[in-house]
Structure formats: structure tokens, C-alpha cells
Amino acid sequence: MEKIKKFLKEVLAELRKVTWPTKDELIGSTIVTIVVSIVVSVFIGVVDRILTFIVKGIFGG
């Protein structure tokens, strides 16, 4: 039981050291994450279409 108490105290001490983002930083990071996810999705989709076209051309689909 003492180990659990010690662990929880250490966790709280570490959480107090964390620098939490401001609302503006959080919104900015969220927007960047969404935009990058969309760009990567579109890129993968385009590459997939091109490779599908090439494979169908080679193997006659």
C-alpha cells in the first residue's frame, strides 16, 4: 500500500511540473493536426489510385 501512495505522490509532483498549453496553442495544434491528416490522406489516396491504375495496366484488370 505504501508503494501505491508513493507512486501517486510522485505522479502528482510530475503533473505539477507540466506546462499545459494555452487555449490558443491547443486550437492551433488541433488545426495543424487536422490539416496534416487531410493532406496525408489525400496523398495516400492519389498514390493508391495511381498504383492501382499501373497494376491493372500490367496485369490486365
Foldseek 3Di string as FASTA:
>chain_A
DVVVVVVVVVVVVVVVVDDDDDPVVVVVVVVVVVVVVVVVVVVVVVVVVVVVVVVCVVVPD
